[in-house]
């Protein structure tokens, strides 16, 4: 009999005593004759599940439900950010706005990270949540490698890495047994992606604004999140967790301001007001739907 996986020790004791043999048998079956890379992947997946169980980030717990609601918007938001960063970098390299721009290694890592994160957003909208998780991890790792080993080249602010990590935490924190890729969620995420990307891309192309240097520009994607909440909130299985998760997904957009080392409280307040307005409209829309259904049932 093969040795039980080390990740099994990460589970809470009671859960390990109840299901440890079953988990070990499933792990042995799934990795029998597999490559070393696949064994590492299965071990990491098992460790992630154990940590979620220990932190109570399951589909049955409130924190897990909130993260499940936040995850698709976090992945799509990270993709929008990456697409805008790639467009900004491409424009500046092409027109030689920055003659002392990144070297080849740094440029390659930035392009790899941006395109991989953008692909993760596309996978989310296509309902391929497992692929979206993997691509989000790979894109964030590529960005981290650039930050650590590449030449320091900060075009979009020092908050970029923090923004990517926050989005990754939400994506990985989503319970795997509740993939957040239902039709209503994908529709809301698509509205969010378009409403967040197109206005900022238009500002970028026209040269009307220098992106990623002011928290005020984050109002646009937060407004897009509020619109997505109005669309998906009324029919969500848990309206409270859904609203909280949508609000949590706005957090990565608020990291730009760390580069100037202070909080612009007026913009933060505006973002919170926008989200609160979206939550209220979602509640009102849900109330109308329930009221009409009750009236028809009389």
C-alpha atoms as a PDB file:
ATOM      1  CA  UNK A   1       0.000   0.000   0.000  1.00  0.00           C
ATOM      2  CA  UNK A   2       1.319   3.454  -0.937  1.00  0.00           C
ATOM      3  CA  UNK A   3       2.178   6.000   1.711  1.00  0.00           C
ATOM      4  CA  UNK A   4      -0.609   8.492   2.560  1.00  0.00           C
ATOM      5  CA  UNK A   5      -0.056  11.975   1.090  1.00  0.00           C
ATOM      6  CA  UNK A   6       1.565  14.509   3.394  1.00  0.00           C
ATOM      7  CA  UNK A   7      -1.219  16.977   2.616  1.00  0.00           C
ATOM      8  CA  UNK A   8      -3.572  14.711   4.550  1.00  0.00           C
ATOM      9  CA  UNK A   9      -2.066  16.046   7.781  1.00  0.00           C
ATOM     10  CA  UNK A  10      -3.368  19.530   6.949  1.00  0.00           C
ATOM     11  CA  UNK A  11      -6.986  18.471   7.425  1.00  0.00           C
ATOM     12  CA  UNK A  12      -8.731  19.075  10.749  1.00  0.00           C
ATOM     13  CA  UNK A  13      -8.302  16.052  13.003  1.00  0.00           C
ATOM     14  CA  UNK A  14     -11.971  15.093  13.125  1.00  0.00           C
ATOM     15  CA  UNK A  15     -12.328  15.289   9.358  1.00  0.00           C
ATOM     16  CA  UNK A  16      -9.100  13.343   8.859  1.00  0.00           C
ATOM     17  CA  UNK A  17     -10.231  10.584  11.197  1.00  0.00           C
ATOM     18  CA  UNK A  18     -13.587  10.328   9.451  1.00  0.00           C
ATOM     19  CA  UNK A  19     -12.476  10.520   5.819  1.00  0.00           C
ATOM     20  CA  UNK A  20      -8.685  10.111   5.831  1.00  0.00           C
ATOM     21  CA  UNK A  21      -8.648   6.560   4.468  1.00  0.00           C
ATOM     22  CA  UNK A  22     -11.051   7.481   1.682  1.00  0.00           C
ATOM     23  CA  UNK A  23      -9.003  10.555   0.725  1.00  0.00           C
ATOM     24  CA  UNK A  24      -5.761   8.578   0.734  1.00  0.00           C
ATOM     25  CA  UNK A  25      -7.288   5.837  -1.435  1.00  0.00           C
ATOM     26  CA  UNK A  26      -8.617   8.367  -3.946  1.00  0.00           C
ATOM     27  CA  UNK A  27      -5.242  10.118  -4.077  1.00  0.00           C
ATOM     28  CA  UNK A  28      -3.420   6.826  -4.647  1.00  0.00           C
ATOM     29  CA  UNK A  29      -5.831   5.907  -7.448  1.00  0.00           C
ATOM     30  CA  UNK A  30      -5.586   9.281  -9.188  1.00  0.00           C
ATOM     31  CA  UNK A  31      -1.773   9.352  -9.094  1.00  0.00           C
ATOM     32  CA  UNK A  32      -1.061   5.683  -9.876  1.00  0.00           C
ATOM     33  CA  UNK A  33       1.438   5.604 -12.754  1.00  0.00           C
ATOM     34  CA  UNK A  34       1.159   9.388 -13.219  1.00  0.00           C
ATOM     35  CA  UNK A  35       4.050  11.706 -13.928  1.00  0.00           C
ATOM     36  CA  UNK A  36       5.802  13.575 -11.144  1.00  0.00           C
ATOM     37  CA  UNK A  37       4.250  16.851 -12.312  1.00  0.00           C
ATOM     38  CA  UNK A  38       0.733  15.390 -12.071  1.00  0.00           C
ATOM     39  CA  UNK A  39       1.470  14.000  -8.608  1.00  0.00           C
ATOM     40  CA  UNK A  40       2.598  17.449  -7.491  1.00  0.00           C
ATOM     41  CA  UNK A  41      -0.578  18.970  -8.966  1.00  0.00           C
ATOM     42  CA  UNK A  42      -2.826  16.462  -7.200  1.00  0.00           C
ATOM     43  CA  UNK A  43      -0.917  17.016  -3.959  1.00  0.00           C
ATOM     44  CA  UNK A  44      -1.298  20.792  -4.245  1.00  0.00           C
ATOM     45  CA  UNK A  45      -5.016  20.405  -4.986  1.00  0.00           C
ATOM     46  CA  UNK A  46      -5.401  18.168  -1.933  1.00  0.00           C
ATOM     47  CA  UNK A  47      -3.480  20.624   0.244  1.00  0.00           C
ATOM     48  CA  UNK A  48      -5.693  23.451  -0.977  1.00  0.00           C
ATOM     49  CA  UNK A  49      -8.815  21.518  -0.040  1.00  0.00           C
ATOM     50  CA  UNK A  50      -7.361  20.750   3.387  1.00  0.00           C
ATOM     51  CA  UNK A  51      -6.589  24.417   4.028  1.00  0.00           C
ATOM     52  CA  UNK A  52     -10.093  25.414   2.913  1.00  0.00           C
ATOM     53  CA  UNK A  53     -11.559  22.849   5.313  1.00  0.00           C
ATOM     54  CA  UNK A  54      -9.394  24.148   8.164  1.00  0.00           C
ATOM     55  CA  UNK A  55     -10.364  27.761   7.407  1.00  0.00           C
ATOM     56  CA  UNK A  56     -14.011  26.762   6.827  1.00  0.00           C
ATOM     57  CA  UNK A  57     -13.929  28.092   3.280  1.00  0.00           C
ATOM     58  CA  UNK A  58     -16.433  25.533   2.041  1.00  0.00           C
ATOM     59  CA  UNK A  59     -19.608  25.837   0.036  1.00  0.00           C
ATOM     60  CA  UNK A  60     -21.554  25.232   3.258  1.00  0.00           C
ATOM     61  CA  UNK A  61     -19.934  28.142   5.111  1.00  0.00           C
ATOM     62  CA  UNK A  62     -20.645  31.870   4.711  1.00  0.00           C
ATOM     63  CA  UNK A  63     -17.026  32.752   3.868  1.00  0.00           C
ATOM     64  CA  UNK A  64     -16.953  30.112   1.140  1.00  0.00           C
ATOM     65  CA  UNK A  65     -20.189  31.414  -0.370  1.00  0.00           C
ATOM     66  CA  UNK A  66     -18.859  34.976  -0.368  1.00  0.00           C
ATOM     67  CA  UNK A  67     -15.627  33.908  -2.079  1.00  0.00           C
ATOM     68  CA  UNK A  68     -17.604  31.851  -4.608  1.00  0.00           C
ATOM     69  CA  UNK A  69     -19.525  35.002  -5.512  1.00  0.00           C
ATOM     70  CA  UNK A  70     -16.361  37.122  -5.654  1.00  0.00           C
ATOM     71  CA  UNK A  71     -14.197  34.679  -7.643  1.00  0.00           C
ATOM     72  CA  UNK A  72     -15.552  35.130 -11.196  1.00  0.00           C
ATOM     73  CA  UNK A  73     -15.540  38.915 -10.899  1.00  0.00           C
ATOM     74  CA  UNK A  74     -12.040  38.819  -9.433  1.00  0.00           C
ATOM     75  CA  UNK A  75     -10.795  36.707 -12.368  1.00  0.00           C
ATOM     76  CA  UNK A  76     -12.515  38.919 -14.934  1.00  0.00           C
ATOM     77  CA  UNK A  77     -11.362  42.100 -13.183  1.00  0.00           C
ATOM     78  CA  UNK A  78      -7.774  40.856 -13.181  1.00  0.00           C
ATOM     79  CA  UNK A  79      -8.162  40.093 -16.889  1.00  0.00           C
ATOM     80  CA  UNK A  80      -9.477  43.590 -17.621  1.00  0.00           C
ATOM     81  CA  UNK A  81      -6.605  45.124 -15.673  1.00  0.00           C
ATOM     82  CA  UNK A  82      -4.129  42.931 -17.592  1.00  0.00           C
ATOM     83  CA  UNK A  83      -5.654  43.801 -20.954  1.00  0.00           C
ATOM     84  CA  UNK A  84      -5.456  47.517 -20.187  1.00  0.00           C
ATOM     85  CA  UNK A  85      -1.892  47.193 -18.917  1.00  0.00           C
ATOM     86  CA  UNK A  86      -0.904  45.293 -22.068  1.00  0.00           C
ATOM     87  CA  UNK A  87      -2.553  47.904 -24.305  1.00  0.00           C
ATOM     88  CA  UNK A  88      -0.841  50.724 -22.446  1.00  0.00           C
ATOM     89  CA  UNK A  89       2.535  49.003 -22.612  1.00  0.00           C
ATOM     90  CA  UNK A  90       2.139  48.163 -26.303  1.00  0.00           C
ATOM     91  CA  UNK A  91       1.190  51.729 -27.198  1.00  0.00           C
ATOM     92  CA  UNK A  92       4.107  53.212 -25.306  1.00  0.00           C
ATOM     93  CA  UNK A  93       6.621  50.786 -26.739  1.00  0.00           C
ATOM     94  CA  UNK A  94       5.341  51.311 -30.295  1.00  0.00           C
ATOM     95  CA  UNK A  95       5.345  55.106 -30.155  1.00  0.00           C
ATOM     96  CA  UNK A  96       8.591  55.179 -28.128  1.00  0.00           C
ATOM     97  CA  UNK A  97       7.101  57.286 -25.365  1.00  0.00           C
ATOM     98  CA  UNK A  98       9.455  55.557 -22.965  1.00  0.00           C
ATOM     99  CA  UNK A  99      12.873  55.253 -24.624  1.00  0.00           C
ATOM    100  CA  UNK A 100      14.279  53.674 -21.454  1.00  0.00           C
ATOM    101  CA  UNK A 101      11.506  51.087 -21.362  1.00  0.00           C
ATOM    102  CA  UNK A 102      11.787  47.479 -20.221  1.00  0.00           C
ATOM    103  CA  UNK A 103      14.506  45.113 -21.398  1.00  0.00           C
ATOM    104  CA  UNK A 104      13.649  41.968 -23.334  1.00  0.00           C
ATOM    105  CA  UNK A 105      13.363  39.714 -20.292  1.00  0.00           C
ATOM    106  CA  UNK A 106      11.104  42.110 -18.418  1.00  0.00           C
ATOM    107  CA  UNK A 107       9.008  42.827 -21.490  1.00  0.00           C
ATOM    108  CA  UNK A 108       8.564  39.110 -22.158  1.00  0.00           C
ATOM    109  CA  UNK A 109       7.411  38.443 -18.592  1.00  0.00           C
ATOM    110  CA  UNK A 110       5.005  41.377 -18.627  1.00  0.00           C
ATOM    111  CA  UNK A 111       3.478  40.304 -21.930  1.00  0.00           C
ATOM    112  CA  UNK A 112       3.235  36.684 -20.743  1.00  0.00           C
ATOM    113  CA  UNK A 113       1.566  37.708 -17.485  1.00  0.00           C
ATOM    114  CA  UNK A 114      -0.896  40.100 -19.137  1.00  0.00           C
ATOM    115  CA  UNK A 115      -1.951  37.705 -21.897  1.00  0.00           C
ATOM    116  CA  UNK A 116      -2.256  34.770 -19.478  1.00  0.00           C
ATOM    117  CA  UNK A 117      -4.438  36.749 -17.071  1.00  0.00           C
ATOM    118  CA  UNK A 118      -6.536  38.017 -19.977  1.00  0.00           C
ATOM    119  CA  UNK A 119      -6.984  34.398 -21.097  1.00  0.00           C
ATOM    120  CA  UNK A 120      -8.128  33.514 -17.569  1.00  0.00           C
ATOM    121  CA  UNK A 121     -10.897  36.080 -17.890  1.00  0.00           C
ATOM    122  CA  UNK A 122     -11.906  34.618 -21.238  1.00  0.00           C
ATOM    123  CA  UNK A 123     -12.009  31.124 -19.720  1.00  0.00           C
ATOM    124  CA  UNK A 124     -14.255  32.416 -16.941  1.00  0.00           C
ATOM    125  CA  UNK A 125     -16.693  33.939 -19.423  1.00  0.00           C
ATOM    126  CA  UNK A 126     -16.653  30.672 -21.387  1.00  0.00           C
ATOM    127  CA  UNK A 127     -17.548  28.663 -18.282  1.00  0.00           C
ATOM    128  CA  UNK A 128     -14.145  26.953 -18.046  1.00  0.00           C
ATOM    129  CA  UNK A 129     -13.526  27.620 -14.373  1.00  0.00           C
ATOM    130  CA  UNK A 130     -10.796  25.021 -13.848  1.00  0.00           C
ATOM    131  CA  UNK A 131      -8.800  26.514 -16.730  1.00  0.00           C
ATOM    132  CA  UNK A 132      -9.470  30.016 -15.379  1.00  0.00           C
ATOM    133  CA  UNK A 133      -8.003  29.051 -11.992  1.00  0.00           C
ATOM    134  CA  UNK A 134      -4.863  27.576 -13.526  1.00  0.00           C
ATOM    135  CA  UNK A 135      -4.353  30.537 -15.881  1.00  0.00           C
ATOM    136  CA  UNK A 136      -4.845  33.027 -13.030  1.00  0.00           C
ATOM    137  CA  UNK A 137      -2.153  31.243 -11.015  1.00  0.00           C
ATOM    138  CA  UNK A 138       0.267  31.142 -13.965  1.00  0.00           C
ATOM    139  CA  UNK A 139      -0.302  34.797 -14.870  1.00  0.00           C
ATOM    140  CA  UNK A 140       0.169  35.973 -11.292  1.00  0.00           C
ATOM    141  CA  UNK A 141       3.341  33.892 -10.940  1.00  0.00           C
ATOM    142  CA  UNK A 142       4.750  35.375 -14.164  1.00  0.00           C
ATOM    143  CA  UNK A 143       4.026  38.864 -12.848  1.00  0.00           C
ATOM    144  CA  UNK A 144       5.685  38.032  -9.524  1.00  0.00           C
ATOM    145  CA  UNK A 145       8.787  36.670 -11.286  1.00  0.00           C
ATOM    146  CA  UNK A 146       9.050  39.922 -13.236  1.00  0.00           C
ATOM    147  CA  UNK A 147       8.760  41.937 -10.042  1.00  0.00           C
ATOM    148  CA  UNK A 148      11.424  39.887  -8.250  1.00  0.00           C
ATOM    149  CA  UNK A 149      13.928  38.965 -10.955  1.00  0.00           C
ATOM    150  CA  UNK A 150      13.280  41.396 -13.810  1.00  0.00           C
ATOM    151  CA  UNK A 151      14.460  44.974 -14.033  1.00  0.00           C
ATOM    152  CA  UNK A 152      12.178  47.221 -12.036  1.00  0.00           C
ATOM    153  CA  UNK A 153       9.789  48.660 -14.579  1.00  0.00           C
ATOM    154  CA  UNK A 154       6.659  50.034 -13.000  1.00  0.00           C
ATOM    155  CA  UNK A 155       4.327  51.459 -15.593  1.00  0.00           C
ATOM    156  CA  UNK A 156       1.000  50.857 -13.922  1.00  0.00           C
ATOM    157  CA  UNK A 157       1.872  51.497 -10.301  1.00  0.00           C
ATOM    158  CA  UNK A 158       3.270  49.503  -7.414  1.00  0.00           C
ATOM    159  CA  UNK A 159      -0.227  48.343  -6.528  1.00  0.00           C
ATOM    160  CA  UNK A 160      -0.305  46.030  -9.558  1.00  0.00           C
ATOM    161  CA  UNK A 161       1.189  43.047  -7.777  1.00  0.00           C
ATOM    162  CA  UNK A 162      -1.053  43.504  -4.752  1.00  0.00           C
ATOM    163  CA  UNK A 163      -4.077  43.767  -7.028  1.00  0.00           C
ATOM    164  CA  UNK A 164      -3.153  40.503  -8.783  1.00  0.00           C
ATOM    165  CA  UNK A 165      -2.553  38.697  -5.479  1.00  0.00           C
ATOM    166  CA  UNK A 166      -5.893  39.825  -4.044  1.00  0.00           C
ATOM    167  CA  UNK A 167      -7.675  38.546  -7.137  1.00  0.00           C
ATOM    168  CA  UNK A 168      -5.760  35.259  -6.942  1.00  0.00           C
ATOM    169  CA  UNK A 169      -6.734  34.749  -3.289  1.00  0.00           C
ATOM    170  CA  UNK A 170     -10.408  35.119  -4.227  1.00  0.00           C
ATOM    171  CA  UNK A 171     -10.065  32.757  -7.184  1.00  0.00           C
ATOM    172  CA  UNK A 172      -8.281  30.064  -5.163  1.00  0.00           C
ATOM    173  CA  UNK A 173     -10.538  30.608  -2.148  1.00  0.00           C
ATOM    174  CA  UNK A 174     -13.628  29.718  -4.160  1.00  0.00           C
ATOM    175  CA  UNK A 175     -14.821  26.239  -3.094  1.00  0.00           C
ATOM    176  CA  UNK A 176     -14.095  23.899  -6.025  1.00  0.00           C
ATOM    177  CA  UNK A 177     -17.424  22.093  -5.633  1.00  0.00           C
ATOM    178  CA  UNK A 178     -19.307  25.293  -6.499  1.00  0.00           C
ATOM    179  CA  UNK A 179     -17.786  26.515  -9.779  1.00  0.00           C
ATOM    180  CA  UNK A 180     -19.124  30.053 -10.257  1.00  0.00           C
ATOM    181  CA  UNK A 181     -19.831  29.789 -13.972  1.00  0.00           C
ATOM    182  CA  UNK A 182     -23.606  29.659 -14.184  1.00  0.00           C
ATOM    183  CA  UNK A 183     -25.299  31.432 -17.063  1.00  0.00           C
ATOM    184  CA  UNK A 184     -26.483  34.388 -14.970  1.00  0.00           C
ATOM    185  CA  UNK A 185     -23.028  34.873 -13.450  1.00  0.00           C
ATOM    186  CA  UNK A 186     -21.339  34.709 -16.863  1.00  0.00           C
ATOM    187  CA  UNK A 187     -23.799  37.250 -18.208  1.00  0.00           C
ATOM    188  CA  UNK A 188     -23.115  39.609 -15.305  1.00  0.00           C
ATOM    189  CA  UNK A 189     -19.355  39.073 -15.636  1.00  0.00           C
ATOM    190  CA  UNK A 190     -19.535  39.839 -19.358  1.00  0.00           C
ATOM    191  CA  UNK A 191     -21.356  43.100 -18.651  1.00  0.00           C
ATOM    192  CA  UNK A 192     -18.764  43.904 -16.013  1.00  0.00           C
ATOM    193  CA  UNK A 193     -15.863  43.165 -18.379  1.00  0.00           C
ATOM    194  CA  UNK A 194     -17.254  45.307 -21.189  1.00  0.00           C
ATOM    195  CA  UNK A 195     -18.305  48.180 -18.946  1.00  0.00           C
ATOM    196  CA  UNK A 196     -14.948  48.220 -17.143  1.00  0.00           C
ATOM    197  CA  UNK A 197     -12.686  47.771 -20.164  1.00  0.00           C
ATOM    198  CA  UNK A 198     -14.212  49.863 -22.945  1.00  0.00           C
ATOM    199  CA  UNK A 199     -14.363  53.299 -21.224  1.00  0.00           C
ATOM    200  CA  UNK A 200     -10.849  52.995 -19.809  1.00  0.00           C
ATOM    201  CA  UNK A 201      -9.504  51.693 -23.105  1.00  0.00           C
ATOM    202  CA  UNK A 202     -11.109  54.648 -24.860  1.00  0.00           C
ATOM    203  CA  UNK A 203      -9.440  57.049 -22.429  1.00  0.00           C
ATOM    204  CA  UNK A 204      -6.152  55.289 -23.016  1.00  0.00           C
ATOM    205  CA  UNK A 205      -6.359  55.376 -26.820  1.00  0.00           C
ATOM    206  CA  UNK A 206      -7.369  59.028 -26.927  1.00  0.00           C
ATOM    207  CA  UNK A 207      -4.656  59.988 -24.474  1.00  0.00           C
ATOM    208  CA  UNK A 208      -7.219  61.619 -22.200  1.00  0.00           C
ATOM    209  CA  UNK A 209      -5.809  60.061 -19.062  1.00  0.00           C
ATOM    210  CA  UNK A 210      -2.755  58.386 -17.613  1.00  0.00           C
ATOM    211  CA  UNK A 211      -4.177  55.158 -16.296  1.00  0.00           C
ATOM    212  CA  UNK A 212      -3.315  53.392 -13.049  1.00  0.00           C
ATOM    213  CA  UNK A 213      -1.973  56.524 -11.371  1.00  0.00           C
ATOM    214  CA  UNK A 214      -5.106  57.682  -9.612  1.00  0.00           C
ATOM    215  CA  UNK A 215      -7.664  55.868  -7.556  1.00  0.00           C
ATOM    216  CA  UNK A 216     -10.365  57.985  -9.166  1.00  0.00           C
ATOM    217  CA  UNK A 217     -10.236  55.919 -12.348  1.00  0.00           C
ATOM    218  CA  UNK A 218     -11.262  52.853 -10.326  1.00  0.00           C
ATOM    219  CA  UNK A 219     -14.742  54.354 -10.026  1.00  0.00           C
ATOM    220  CA  UNK A 220     -15.493  53.149 -13.578  1.00  0.00           C
ATOM    221  CA  UNK A 221     -14.873  49.424 -12.977  1.00  0.00           C
ATOM    222  CA  UNK A 222     -16.578  49.658  -9.585  1.00  0.00           C
ATOM    223  CA  UNK A 223     -19.601  51.185 -11.350  1.00  0.00           C
ATOM    224  CA  UNK A 224     -19.455  48.243 -13.766  1.00  0.00           C
ATOM    225  CA  UNK A 225     -19.462  45.851 -10.792  1.00  0.00           C
ATOM    226  CA  UNK A 226     -22.526  47.595  -9.405  1.00  0.00           C
ATOM    227  CA  UNK A 227     -24.270  47.114 -12.775  1.00  0.00           C
ATOM    228  CA  UNK A 228     -23.377  43.409 -12.717  1.00  0.00           C
ATOM    229  CA  UNK A 229     -24.797  43.168  -9.199  1.00  0.00           C
ATOM    230  CA  UNK A 230     -28.089  44.672 -10.356  1.00  0.00           C
ATOM    231  CA  UNK A 231     -28.275  42.058 -13.128  1.00  0.00           C
ATOM    232  CA  UNK A 232     -27.321  38.960 -11.133  1.00  0.00           C
ATOM    233  CA  UNK A 233     -28.256  39.835  -7.544  1.00  0.00           C
ATOM    234  CA  UNK A 234     -32.035  39.373  -7.621  1.00  0.00           C
ATOM    235  CA  UNK A 235     -31.792  35.768  -8.805  1.00  0.00           C
ATOM    236  CA  UNK A 236     -28.768  34.786  -6.710  1.00  0.00           C
ATOM    237  CA  UNK A 237     -29.202  31.781  -4.443  1.00  0.00           C
ATOM    238  CA  UNK A 238     -27.850  33.725  -1.475  1.00  0.00           C
ATOM    239  CA  UNK A 239     -28.413  37.464  -2.103  1.00  0.00           C
ATOM    240  CA  UNK A 240     -26.411  38.587   0.930  1.00  0.00           C
ATOM    241  CA  UNK A 241     -23.345  36.476   0.138  1.00  0.00           C
ATOM    242  CA  UNK A 242     -23.614  37.446  -3.523  1.00  0.00           C
ATOM    243  CA  UNK A 243     -23.675  41.161  -2.729  1.00  0.00           C
ATOM    244  CA  UNK A 244     -20.779  40.804  -0.277  1.00  0.00           C
ATOM    245  CA  UNK A 245     -18.738  38.821  -2.804  1.00  0.00           C
ATOM    246  CA  UNK A 246     -19.357  41.352  -5.557  1.00  0.00           C
ATOM    247  CA  UNK A 247     -18.250  44.136  -3.243  1.00  0.00           C
ATOM    248  CA  UNK A 248     -15.157  42.135  -2.268  1.00  0.00           C
ATOM    249  CA  UNK A 249     -14.242  41.808  -5.958  1.00  0.00           C
ATOM    250  CA  UNK A 250     -13.897  45.590  -6.105  1.00  0.00           C
ATOM    251  CA  UNK A 251     -10.971  45.513  -3.674  1.00  0.00           C
ATOM    252  CA  UNK A 252      -8.240  44.821  -6.303  1.00  0.00           C
ATOM    253  CA  UNK A 253      -9.236  48.028  -8.079  1.00  0.00           C
ATOM    254  CA  UNK A 254      -8.381  50.065  -4.969  1.00  0.00           C
ATOM    255  CA  UNK A 255      -4.699  49.167  -4.735  1.00  0.00           C
ATOM    256  CA  UNK A 256      -3.298  51.751  -7.160  1.00  0.00           C
ATOM    257  CA  UNK A 257      -3.201  54.360  -4.464  1.00  0.00           C
ATOM    258  CA  UNK A 258      -0.498  52.538  -2.508  1.00  0.00           C
ATOM    259  CA  UNK A 259       2.085  53.985  -4.875  1.00  0.00           C
ATOM    260  CA  UNK A 260       1.417  57.471  -3.566  1.00  0.00           C
ATOM    261  CA  UNK A 261       1.244  56.211   0.031  1.00  0.00           C
ATOM    262  CA  UNK A 262      -2.055  57.719   1.070  1.00  0.00           C
ATOM    263  CA  UNK A 263      -5.750  57.045   0.652  1.00  0.00           C
ATOM    264  CA  UNK A 264      -7.921  59.345  -1.413  1.00  0.00           C
ATOM    265  CA  UNK A 265     -10.927  59.044   0.844  1.00  0.00           C
ATOM    266  CA  UNK A 266     -13.260  60.866  -1.509  1.00  0.00           C
ATOM    267  CA  UNK A 267     -12.727  58.264  -4.235  1.00  0.00           C
ATOM    268  CA  UNK A 268     -13.001  55.389  -1.756  1.00  0.00           C
ATOM    269  CA  UNK A 269     -16.254  56.849  -0.486  1.00  0.00           C
ATOM    270  CA  UNK A 270     -17.540  57.217  -4.030  1.00  0.00           C
ATOM    271  CA  UNK A 271     -16.701  53.578  -4.803  1.00  0.00           C
ATOM    272  CA  UNK A 272     -18.487  52.424  -1.659  1.00  0.00           C
ATOM    273  CA  UNK A 273     -21.494  54.575  -2.535  1.00  0.00           C
ATOM    274  CA  UNK A 274     -21.614  53.099  -6.028  1.00  0.00           C
ATOM    275  CA  UNK A 275     -21.555  49.546  -4.654  1.00  0.00           C
ATOM    276  CA  UNK A 276     -24.188  50.391  -2.057  1.00  0.00           C
ATOM    277  CA  UNK A 277     -26.373  51.828  -4.810  1.00  0.00           C
ATOM    278  CA  UNK A 278     -25.940  48.668  -6.838  1.00  0.00           C
ATOM    279  CA  UNK A 279     -26.851  46.504  -3.853  1.00  0.00           C
ATOM    280  CA  UNK A 280     -29.969  48.596  -3.234  1.00  0.00           C
ATOM    281  CA  UNK A 281     -31.074  48.376  -6.868  1.00  0.00           C
ATOM    282  CA  UNK A 282     -30.464  44.626  -6.849  1.00  0.00           C
ATOM    283  CA  UNK A 283     -32.575  44.299  -3.686  1.00  0.00           C
ATOM    284  CA  UNK A 284     -35.339  46.469  -5.187  1.00  0.00           C
ATOM    285  CA  UNK A 285     -35.334  44.461  -8.408  1.00  0.00           C
ATOM    286  CA  UNK A 286     -35.483  41.214  -6.450  1.00  0.00           C
ATOM    287  CA  UNK A 287     -38.358  42.544  -4.329  1.00  0.00           C
ATOM    288  CA  UNK A 288     -40.315  43.435  -7.467  1.00  0.00           C
ATOM    289  CA  UNK A 289     -39.717  39.980  -8.943  1.00  0.00           C
ATOM    290  CA  UNK A 290     -40.904  38.277  -5.745  1.00  0.00           C
ATOM    291  CA  UNK A 291     -43.898  40.638  -5.423  1.00  0.00           C
ATOM    292  CA  UNK A 292     -45.031  39.912  -8.983  1.00  0.00           C
ATOM    293  CA  UNK A 293     -44.601  36.164  -8.461  1.00  0.00           C
ATOM    294  CA  UNK A 294     -46.658  36.329  -5.268  1.00  0.00           C
ATOM    295  CA  UNK A 295     -49.377  38.356  -7.019  1.00  0.00           C
ATOM    296  CA  UNK A 296     -49.631  35.779  -9.825  1.00  0.00           C
ATOM    297  CA  UNK A 297     -49.907  32.973  -7.270  1.00  0.00           C
ATOM    298  CA  UNK A 298     -52.970  34.451  -5.591  1.00  0.00           C
END
